[in-house]
Amino acid sequence: MLLHGISDTTALRYLRSIQLFLETCDQLHYDLSALTQTLLLDSLLAMHKAYSGQSVAFFGNTLKAIRWLHKCVTLQSLPDLYSGLLSSVLFRSKRERRESVPLPYAFLVYLETRLLERNGSRGELLFYGSVLLACWSSLRFSDAQHVKWSSLLLDHHIMRAQAYRTKTSQQGMPFGAITGGFYRREGACGWLFAFLHMIDSLFADLRAALPTVDPDFLFFSLEAGSPGEGLAPASYAQALRQLRDCLTEWG
């Protein structure tokens, strides 16, 4: 019931926000059974001040977490969480939303060249391929971290696969990428063939050590030593640092 409609990572973030909220109410000596909208807003403000910079303490995030808890366990003591003073907390401006800066095409050309020329270590080359696949398939980082290697299917013109859970769907989402690239030539292998060949080789090494293993992440760290011991999913921060290193090398 708790995880219905949301991911496990979102549930953990909500639970952390609720924990901080309850601790704040206790520190302010607010009785949850007599909590009004004014006192709830005061608690949210105190949280925001006490845990400045932490996303779990932002007004909107905490209110979403409280609404989620109320929906799951039906807390009768809470005030109306949608109208009155609380109706404007999640107000969204109609101004243009700021999006992440897109990666230049020239940078993708650079990654493709490095991959085709095998210019880098095994781990670096696999990272280049993961970035290219995410770009050409329109995958979020979190989507790419829920893709089983065994689901990757390739023919002459396209690669197809399934992200078994995404930000917008717990039922999963199919995706694909064409095998061509900036340097694809008739009769020659492009970056996708080179990348999947490396994935297949690594998969074979893993299966030799762990016959039942089926990794489900496209961004990973590959340390020296046994593949089964050195392979681990990369965190967002690790992948971001590696992407920034690539951008720095590119210039």
C-alpha atoms as a PDB file:
ATOM      1  CA  MET A   1       0.000   0.000   0.000  1.00  0.00           C
ATOM      2  CA  LEU A   2       2.774   2.443   0.919  1.00  0.00           C
ATOM      3  CA  LEU A   3       4.542   1.955  -2.407  1.00  0.00           C
ATOM      4  CA  HIS A   4       1.399   2.015  -4.537  1.00  0.00           C
ATOM      5  CA  GLY A   5       1.806   4.662  -7.230  1.00  0.00           C
ATOM      6  CA  ILE A   6       5.310   5.814  -6.205  1.00  0.00           C
ATOM      7  CA  SER A   7       8.842   4.461  -6.400  1.00  0.00           C
ATOM      8  CA  ASP A   8      10.750   3.123  -3.396  1.00  0.00           C
ATOM      9  CA  THR A   9      13.207   6.059  -3.561  1.00  0.00           C
ATOM     10  CA  THR A  10      10.318   8.557  -3.448  1.00  0.00           C
ATOM     11  CA  ALA A  11       8.828   6.698  -0.462  1.00  0.00           C
ATOM     12  CA  LEU A  12      12.152   6.902   1.387  1.00  0.00           C
ATOM     13  CA  ARG A  13      12.345  10.645   0.687  1.00  0.00           C
ATOM     14  CA  TYR A  14       8.769  11.127   1.892  1.00  0.00           C
ATOM     15  CA  LEU A  15       9.421   9.153   5.067  1.00  0.00           C
ATOM     16  CA  ARG A  16      12.494  11.281   5.814  1.00  0.00           C
ATOM     17  CA  SER A  17      10.439  14.473   5.359  1.00  0.00           C
ATOM     18  CA  ILE A  18       7.696  13.125   7.626  1.00  0.00           C
ATOM     19  CA  GLN A  19      10.262  12.165  10.275  1.00  0.00           C
ATOM     20  CA  LEU A  20      11.671  15.713  10.278  1.00  0.00           C
ATOM     21  CA  PHE A  21       8.159  17.154  10.348  1.00  0.00           C
ATOM     22  CA  LEU A  22       7.130  15.087  13.372  1.00  0.00           C
ATOM     23  CA  GLU A  23      10.367  15.952  15.178  1.00  0.00           C
ATOM     24  CA  THR A  24       9.767  19.642  14.481  1.00  0.00           C
ATOM     25  CA  CYS A  25       6.186  19.492  15.775  1.00  0.00           C
ATOM     26  CA  ASP A  26       7.431  17.788  18.924  1.00  0.00           C
ATOM     27  CA  GLN A  27      10.150  20.400  19.426  1.00  0.00           C
ATOM     28  CA  LEU A  28       7.566  23.172  18.970  1.00  0.00           C
ATOM     29  CA  HIS A  29       5.247  21.378  21.439  1.00  0.00           C
ATOM     30  CA  TYR A  30       2.466  21.166  18.859  1.00  0.00           C
ATOM     31  CA  ASP A  31      -0.156  18.522  19.543  1.00  0.00           C
ATOM     32  CA  LEU A  32      -0.798  16.561  16.329  1.00  0.00           C
ATOM     33  CA  SER A  33      -4.394  15.926  17.405  1.00  0.00           C
ATOM     34  CA  ALA A  34      -5.013  19.702  17.508  1.00  0.00           C
ATOM     35  CA  LEU A  35      -2.896  20.769  14.548  1.00  0.00           C
ATOM     36  CA  THR A  36      -4.357  23.646  12.523  1.00  0.00           C
ATOM     37  CA  GLN A  37      -3.302  24.887   9.091  1.00  0.00           C
ATOM     38  CA  THR A  38      -1.505  27.815  10.757  1.00  0.00           C
ATOM     39  CA  LEU A  39       0.473  25.554  13.085  1.00  0.00           C
ATOM     40  CA  LEU A  40       1.254  23.153  10.234  1.00  0.00           C
ATOM     41  CA  LEU A  41       2.583  26.023   8.116  1.00  0.00           C
ATOM     42  CA  ASP A  42       4.625  27.250  11.077  1.00  0.00           C
ATOM     43  CA  SER A  43       6.146  23.774  11.417  1.00  0.00           C
ATOM     44  CA  LEU A  44       7.007  23.725   7.710  1.00  0.00           C
ATOM     45  CA  LEU A  45       8.689  27.125   8.043  1.00  0.00           C
ATOM     46  CA  ALA A  46      10.686  25.961  11.060  1.00  0.00           C
ATOM     47  CA  MET A  47      11.795  22.859   9.157  1.00  0.00           C
ATOM     48  CA  HIS A  48      12.845  24.955   6.180  1.00  0.00           C
ATOM     49  CA  LYS A  49      14.936  27.187   8.420  1.00  0.00           C
ATOM     50  CA  ALA A  50      16.455  24.363  10.464  1.00  0.00           C
ATOM     51  CA  TYR A  51      17.395  22.194   7.510  1.00  0.00           C
ATOM     52  CA  SER A  52      18.218  24.897   4.994  1.00  0.00           C
ATOM     53  CA  GLY A  53      19.354  23.489   1.659  1.00  0.00           C
ATOM     54  CA  GLN A  54      17.959  19.996   2.215  1.00  0.00           C
ATOM     55  CA  SER A  55      15.306  19.088  -0.344  1.00  0.00           C
ATOM     56  CA  VAL A  56      13.413  16.938   2.186  1.00  0.00           C
ATOM     57  CA  ALA A  57      12.662  20.127   4.166  1.00  0.00           C
ATOM     58  CA  PHE A  58      11.336  22.253   1.292  1.00  0.00           C
ATOM     59  CA  PHE A  59       7.740  23.410   1.784  1.00  0.00           C
ATOM     60  CA  GLY A  60       6.353  21.664  -1.278  1.00  0.00           C
ATOM     61  CA  ASN A  61       8.244  18.407  -0.756  1.00  0.00           C
ATOM     62  CA  THR A  62       7.192  18.109   2.886  1.00  0.00           C
ATOM     63  CA  LEU A  63       3.556  18.897   2.151  1.00  0.00           C
ATOM     64  CA  LYS A  64       3.518  16.274  -0.610  1.00  0.00           C
ATOM     65  CA  ALA A  65       4.928  13.765   1.881  1.00  0.00           C
ATOM     66  CA  ILE A  66       2.280  14.628   4.494  1.00  0.00           C
ATOM     67  CA  ARG A  67      -0.491  14.339   1.903  1.00  0.00           C
ATOM     68  CA  TRP A  68       0.909  10.962   0.839  1.00  0.00           C
ATOM     69  CA  LEU A  69       0.954   9.723   4.455  1.00  0.00           C
ATOM     70  CA  HIS A  70      -2.567  11.021   5.037  1.00  0.00           C
ATOM     71  CA  LYS A  71      -3.756   9.175   1.934  1.00  0.00           C
ATOM     72  CA  CYS A  72      -2.082   5.938   3.042  1.00  0.00           C
ATOM     73  CA  VAL A  73      -3.124   5.830   6.697  1.00  0.00           C
ATOM     74  CA  THR A  74      -6.005   8.380   6.866  1.00  0.00           C
ATOM     75  CA  LEU A  75      -4.883  10.588   9.751  1.00  0.00           C
ATOM     76  CA  GLN A  76      -8.121  12.163  11.013  1.00  0.00           C
ATOM     77  CA  SER A  77      -6.299  14.661  13.235  1.00  0.00           C
ATOM     78  CA  LEU A  78      -4.689  16.582  10.378  1.00  0.00           C
ATOM     79  CA  PRO A  79      -6.334  19.729   8.993  1.00  0.00           C
ATOM     80  CA  ASP A  80      -7.454  20.104   5.375  1.00  0.00           C
ATOM     81  CA  LEU A  81      -4.241  19.738   3.372  1.00  0.00           C
ATOM     82  CA  TYR A  82      -5.565  21.077   0.061  1.00  0.00           C
ATOM     83  CA  SER A  83      -7.513  24.285   0.681  1.00  0.00           C
ATOM     84  CA  GLY A  84      -7.179  27.505   2.650  1.00  0.00           C
ATOM     85  CA  LEU A  85      -3.655  28.483   3.666  1.00  0.00           C
ATOM     86  CA  LEU A  86      -2.213  25.292   2.171  1.00  0.00           C
ATOM     87  CA  SER A  87      -3.706  25.769  -1.279  1.00  0.00           C
ATOM     88  CA  SER A  88      -0.906  28.122  -2.368  1.00  0.00           C
ATOM     89  CA  VAL A  89       2.084  26.193  -1.015  1.00  0.00           C
ATOM     90  CA  LEU A  90       2.407  24.141  -4.201  1.00  0.00           C
ATOM     91  CA  PHE A  91       1.465  27.023  -6.504  1.00  0.00           C
ATOM     92  CA  ARG A  92       3.443  26.820  -9.707  1.00  0.00           C
ATOM     93  CA  SER A  93       4.478  29.869 -11.624  1.00  0.00           C
ATOM     94  CA  LYS A  94       3.450  30.083 -15.281  1.00  0.00           C
ATOM     95  CA  ARG A  95       6.853  31.391 -16.257  1.00  0.00           C
ATOM     96  CA  GLU A  96       9.044  29.253 -18.461  1.00  0.00           C
ATOM     97  CA  ARG A  97      10.605  26.374 -16.540  1.00  0.00           C
ATOM     98  CA  ARG A  98      14.362  26.104 -16.519  1.00  0.00           C
ATOM     99  CA  GLU A  99      15.609  22.883 -18.069  1.00  0.00           C
ATOM    100  CA  SER A 100      19.016  21.277 -17.955  1.00  0.00           C
ATOM    101  CA  VAL A 101      21.508  22.552 -20.487  1.00  0.00           C
ATOM    102  CA  PRO A 102      21.449  20.137 -23.446  1.00  0.00           C
ATOM    103  CA  LEU A 103      24.608  18.340 -24.501  1.00  0.00           C
ATOM    104  CA  PRO A 104      26.030  19.725 -27.773  1.00  0.00           C
ATOM    105  CA  TYR A 105      25.974  17.470 -30.820  1.00  0.00           C
ATOM    106  CA  ALA A 106      29.723  18.006 -31.112  1.00  0.00           C
ATOM    107  CA  PHE A 107      30.174  16.381 -27.709  1.00  0.00           C
ATOM    108  CA  LEU A 108      28.186  13.320 -28.811  1.00  0.00           C
ATOM    109  CA  VAL A 109      30.371  13.139 -31.908  1.00  0.00           C
ATOM    110  CA  TYR A 110      33.390  13.235 -29.593  1.00  0.00           C
ATOM    111  CA  LEU A 111      32.076  10.361 -27.469  1.00  0.00           C
ATOM    112  CA  GLU A 112      31.234   8.333 -30.568  1.00  0.00           C
ATOM    113  CA  THR A 113      34.734   8.861 -31.944  1.00  0.00           C
ATOM    114  CA  ARG A 114      36.366   7.846 -28.668  1.00  0.00           C
ATOM    115  CA  LEU A 115      34.236   4.715 -28.537  1.00  0.00           C
ATOM    116  CA  LEU A 116      34.869   3.660 -32.135  1.00  0.00           C
ATOM    117  CA  GLU A 117      38.604   4.289 -31.843  1.00  0.00           C
ATOM    118  CA  ARG A 118      38.717   2.438 -28.484  1.00  0.00           C
ATOM    119  CA  ASN A 119      40.360   5.540 -27.040  1.00  0.00           C
ATOM    120  CA  GLY A 120      40.108   4.909 -23.294  1.00  0.00           C
ATOM    121  CA  SER A 121      39.899   2.208 -20.676  1.00  0.00           C
ATOM    122  CA  ARG A 122      37.174  -0.434 -20.717  1.00  0.00           C
ATOM    123  CA  GLY A 123      35.216   1.384 -18.041  1.00  0.00           C
ATOM    124  CA  GLU A 124      35.513   4.724 -19.859  1.00  0.00           C
ATOM    125  CA  LEU A 125      34.424   3.266 -23.195  1.00  0.00           C
ATOM    126  CA  LEU A 126      31.394   1.630 -21.600  1.00  0.00           C
ATOM    127  CA  PHE A 127      30.485   4.959 -19.993  1.00  0.00           C
ATOM    128  CA  TYR A 128      30.696   6.713 -23.381  1.00  0.00           C
ATOM    129  CA  GLY A 129      28.319   4.120 -24.796  1.00  0.00           C
ATOM    130  CA  SER A 130      25.891   4.480 -21.886  1.00  0.00           C
ATOM    131  CA  VAL A 131      25.749   8.259 -22.342  1.00  0.00           C
ATOM    132  CA  LEU A 132      25.170   7.898 -26.086  1.00  0.00           C
ATOM    133  CA  LEU A 133      22.461   5.273 -25.553  1.00  0.00           C
ATOM    134  CA  ALA A 134      20.695   7.442 -22.962  1.00  0.00           C
ATOM    135  CA  CYS A 135      20.798  10.429 -25.327  1.00  0.00           C
ATOM    136  CA  TRP A 136      19.607   8.634 -28.455  1.00  0.00           C
ATOM    137  CA  SER A 137      16.907   6.724 -26.516  1.00  0.00           C
ATOM    138  CA  SER A 138      15.730   9.748 -24.463  1.00  0.00           C
ATOM    139  CA  LEU A 139      16.343   7.947 -21.173  1.00  0.00           C
ATOM    140  CA  ARG A 140      16.556   9.688 -17.832  1.00  0.00           C
ATOM    141  CA  PHE A 141      19.420   8.593 -15.605  1.00  0.00           C
ATOM    142  CA  SER A 142      17.000   6.786 -13.284  1.00  0.00           C
ATOM    143  CA  ASP A 143      15.365   5.054 -16.279  1.00  0.00           C
ATOM    144  CA  ALA A 144      18.757   3.819 -17.466  1.00  0.00           C
ATOM    145  CA  GLN A 145      19.359   2.311 -14.028  1.00  0.00           C
ATOM    146  CA  HIS A 146      16.369  -0.018 -14.431  1.00  0.00           C
ATOM    147  CA  VAL A 147      17.298  -1.835 -17.647  1.00  0.00           C
ATOM    148  CA  LYS A 148      18.195  -5.531 -17.531  1.00  0.00           C
ATOM    149  CA  TRP A 149      21.072  -6.412 -19.846  1.00  0.00           C
ATOM    150  CA  SER A 150      19.189  -9.524 -20.929  1.00  0.00           C
ATOM    151  CA  SER A 151      16.433  -7.293 -22.357  1.00  0.00           C
ATOM    152  CA  LEU A 152      18.757  -5.685 -24.926  1.00  0.00           C
ATOM    153  CA  LEU A 153      17.770  -6.896 -28.415  1.00  0.00           C
ATOM    154  CA  LEU A 154      19.680  -5.910 -31.537  1.00  0.00           C
ATOM    155  CA  ASP A 155      19.130  -6.320 -35.254  1.00  0.00           C
ATOM    156  CA  HIS A 156      20.772  -4.637 -38.235  1.00  0.00           C
ATOM    157  CA  HIS A 157      18.829  -1.372 -37.960  1.00  0.00           C
ATOM    158  CA  ILE A 158      17.697  -0.906 -34.364  1.00  0.00           C
ATOM    159  CA  MET A 159      18.257  -1.885 -30.759  1.00  0.00           C
ATOM    160  CA  ARG A 160      15.218  -2.427 -28.557  1.00  0.00           C
ATOM    161  CA  ALA A 161      14.965  -2.890 -24.812  1.00  0.00           C
ATOM    162  CA  GLN A 162      12.714  -2.400 -21.798  1.00  0.00           C
ATOM    163  CA  ALA A 163      13.191  -0.151 -18.788  1.00  0.00           C
ATOM    164  CA  TYR A 164      11.212  -2.170 -16.257  1.00  0.00           C
ATOM    165  CA  ARG A 165      10.509   0.906 -14.119  1.00  0.00           C
ATOM    166  CA  THR A 166      10.684   4.591 -14.983  1.00  0.00           C
ATOM    167  CA  LYS A 167       9.903   7.901 -13.340  1.00  0.00           C
ATOM    168  CA  THR A 168       6.513   8.002 -15.052  1.00  0.00           C
ATOM    169  CA  SER A 169       5.575   4.307 -14.996  1.00  0.00           C
ATOM    170  CA  GLN A 170       6.064   1.441 -12.586  1.00  0.00           C
ATOM    171  CA  GLN A 171       4.936  -0.940 -15.350  1.00  0.00           C
ATOM    172  CA  GLY A 172       7.984  -0.103 -17.412  1.00  0.00           C
ATOM    173  CA  MET A 173       8.629   1.494 -20.783  1.00  0.00           C
ATOM    174  CA  PRO A 174      10.021   0.120 -24.051  1.00  0.00           C
ATOM    175  CA  PHE A 175      12.705   2.173 -25.769  1.00  0.00           C
ATOM    176  CA  GLY A 176      15.026   1.864 -28.701  1.00  0.00           C
ATOM    177  CA  ALA A 177      17.873   3.423 -30.657  1.00  0.00           C
ATOM    178  CA  ILE A 178      18.857   3.211 -34.291  1.00  0.00           C
ATOM    179  CA  THR A 179      22.167   1.537 -34.977  1.00  0.00           C
ATOM    180  CA  GLY A 180      23.472   4.405 -37.083  1.00  0.00           C
ATOM    181  CA  GLY A 181      25.435   7.349 -35.769  1.00  0.00           C
ATOM    182  CA  PHE A 182      27.406  10.306 -36.983  1.00  0.00           C
ATOM    183  CA  TYR A 183      30.099   8.012 -38.357  1.00  0.00           C
ATOM    184  CA  ARG A 184      27.919   5.091 -39.445  1.00  0.00           C
ATOM    185  CA  ARG A 185      28.816   3.853 -42.908  1.00  0.00           C
ATOM    186  CA  GLU A 186      27.155   1.165 -45.002  1.00  0.00           C
ATOM    187  CA  GLY A 187      28.772  -2.163 -44.230  1.00  0.00           C
ATOM    188  CA  ALA A 188      30.604  -0.807 -41.181  1.00  0.00           C
ATOM    189  CA  CYS A 189      29.745  -1.064 -37.495  1.00  0.00           C
ATOM    190  CA  GLY A 190      28.620   2.052 -35.680  1.00  0.00           C
ATOM    191  CA  TRP A 191      28.991   3.056 -32.042  1.00  0.00           C
ATOM    192  CA  LEU A 192      25.964   1.012 -30.922  1.00  0.00           C
ATOM    193  CA  PHE A 193      27.404  -2.240 -32.276  1.00  0.00           C
ATOM    194  CA  ALA A 194      30.746  -1.452 -30.605  1.00  0.00           C
ATOM    195  CA  PHE A 195      29.071  -0.610 -27.288  1.00  0.00           C
ATOM    196  CA  LEU A 196      26.826  -3.681 -27.226  1.00  0.00           C
ATOM    197  CA  HIS A 197      29.750  -5.903 -28.184  1.00  0.00           C
ATOM    198  CA  MET A 198      31.586  -4.639 -25.083  1.00  0.00           C
ATOM    199  CA  ILE A 199      28.471  -5.142 -22.937  1.00  0.00           C
ATOM    200  CA  ASP A 200      28.113  -8.686 -24.298  1.00  0.00           C
ATOM    201  CA  SER A 201      31.780  -9.418 -23.516  1.00  0.00           C
ATOM    202  CA  LEU A 202      31.431  -8.097 -19.980  1.00  0.00           C
ATOM    203  CA  PHE A 203      28.155 -10.002 -19.541  1.00  0.00           C
ATOM    204  CA  ALA A 204      29.916 -13.223 -20.561  1.00  0.00           C
ATOM    205  CA  ASP A 205      32.684 -12.584 -18.020  1.00  0.00           C
ATOM    206  CA  LEU A 206      30.083 -11.994 -15.311  1.00  0.00           C
ATOM    207  CA  ARG A 207      28.120 -15.117 -16.213  1.00  0.00           C
ATOM    208  CA  ALA A 208      31.309 -17.175 -16.055  1.00  0.00           C
ATOM    209  CA  ALA A 209      31.745 -16.127 -12.420  1.00  0.00           C
ATOM    210  CA  LEU A 210      28.051 -15.800 -11.470  1.00  0.00           C
ATOM    211  CA  PRO A 211      25.835 -17.864 -13.818  1.00  0.00           C
ATOM    212  CA  THR A 212      22.516 -16.332 -12.730  1.00  0.00           C
ATOM    213  CA  VAL A 213      23.566 -12.664 -12.646  1.00  0.00           C
ATOM    214  CA  ASP A 214      21.609 -10.193 -14.813  1.00  0.00           C
ATOM    215  CA  PRO A 215      22.718  -6.573 -14.205  1.00  0.00           C
ATOM    216  CA  ASP A 216      19.937  -3.988 -14.494  1.00  0.00           C
ATOM    217  CA  PHE A 217      21.860  -0.726 -14.799  1.00  0.00           C
ATOM    218  CA  LEU A 218      23.521   0.995 -17.756  1.00  0.00           C
ATOM    219  CA  PHE A 219      25.685   3.338 -15.688  1.00  0.00           C
ATOM    220  CA  PHE A 220      28.108   1.522 -13.447  1.00  0.00           C
ATOM    221  CA  SER A 221      31.577   1.548 -11.963  1.00  0.00           C
ATOM    222  CA  LEU A 222      33.961  -1.113 -13.200  1.00  0.00           C
ATOM    223  CA  GLU A 223      36.859  -1.557 -10.814  1.00  0.00           C
ATOM    224  CA  ALA A 224      39.942  -3.654 -11.379  1.00  0.00           C
ATOM    225  CA  GLY A 225      39.766  -7.326 -10.487  1.00  0.00           C
ATOM    226  CA  SER A 226      37.035  -9.861 -10.935  1.00  0.00           C
ATOM    227  CA  PRO A 227      34.022  -8.517 -12.925  1.00  0.00           C
ATOM    228  CA  GLY A 228      31.631  -9.963 -10.368  1.00  0.00           C
ATOM    229  CA  GLU A 229      33.358  -8.101  -7.561  1.00  0.00           C
ATOM    230  CA  GLY A 230      34.175  -4.850  -9.358  1.00  0.00           C
ATOM    231  CA  LEU A 231      30.833  -4.139 -11.054  1.00  0.00           C
ATOM    232  CA  ALA A 232      28.387  -1.914  -9.193  1.00  0.00           C
ATOM    233  CA  PRO A 233      25.646   0.551 -10.204  1.00  0.00           C
ATOM    234  CA  ALA A 234      26.848   4.138 -10.331  1.00  0.00           C
ATOM    235  CA  SER A 235      25.125   6.761  -8.231  1.00  0.00           C
ATOM    236  CA  TYR A 236      23.853   9.933  -9.888  1.00  0.00           C
ATOM    237  CA  ALA A 237      26.765  11.864  -8.382  1.00  0.00           C
ATOM    238  CA  GLN A 238      29.326   9.363  -9.693  1.00  0.00           C
ATOM    239  CA  ALA A 239      27.889   9.473 -13.209  1.00  0.00           C
ATOM    240  CA  LEU A 240      27.676  13.269 -13.093  1.00  0.00           C
ATOM    241  CA  ARG A 241      31.327  13.565 -12.070  1.00  0.00           C
ATOM    242  CA  GLN A 242      32.382  11.231 -14.880  1.00  0.00           C
ATOM    243  CA  LEU A 243      30.281  13.185 -17.390  1.00  0.00           C
ATOM    244  CA  ARG A 244      31.883  16.432 -16.228  1.00  0.00           C
ATOM    245  CA  ASP A 245      35.334  14.851 -16.624  1.00  0.00           C
ATOM    246  CA  CYS A 246      34.408  13.930 -20.209  1.00  0.00           C
ATOM    247  CA  LEU A 247      33.204  17.457 -20.917  1.00  0.00           C
ATOM    248  CA  THR A 248      36.433  18.862 -19.491  1.00  0.00           C
ATOM    249  CA  GLU A 249      38.546  16.568 -21.665  1.00  0.00           C
ATOM    250  CA  TRP A 250      36.480  17.545 -24.695  1.00  0.00           C
ATOM    251  CA  GLY A 251      37.119  21.196 -23.876  1.00  0.00           C
END
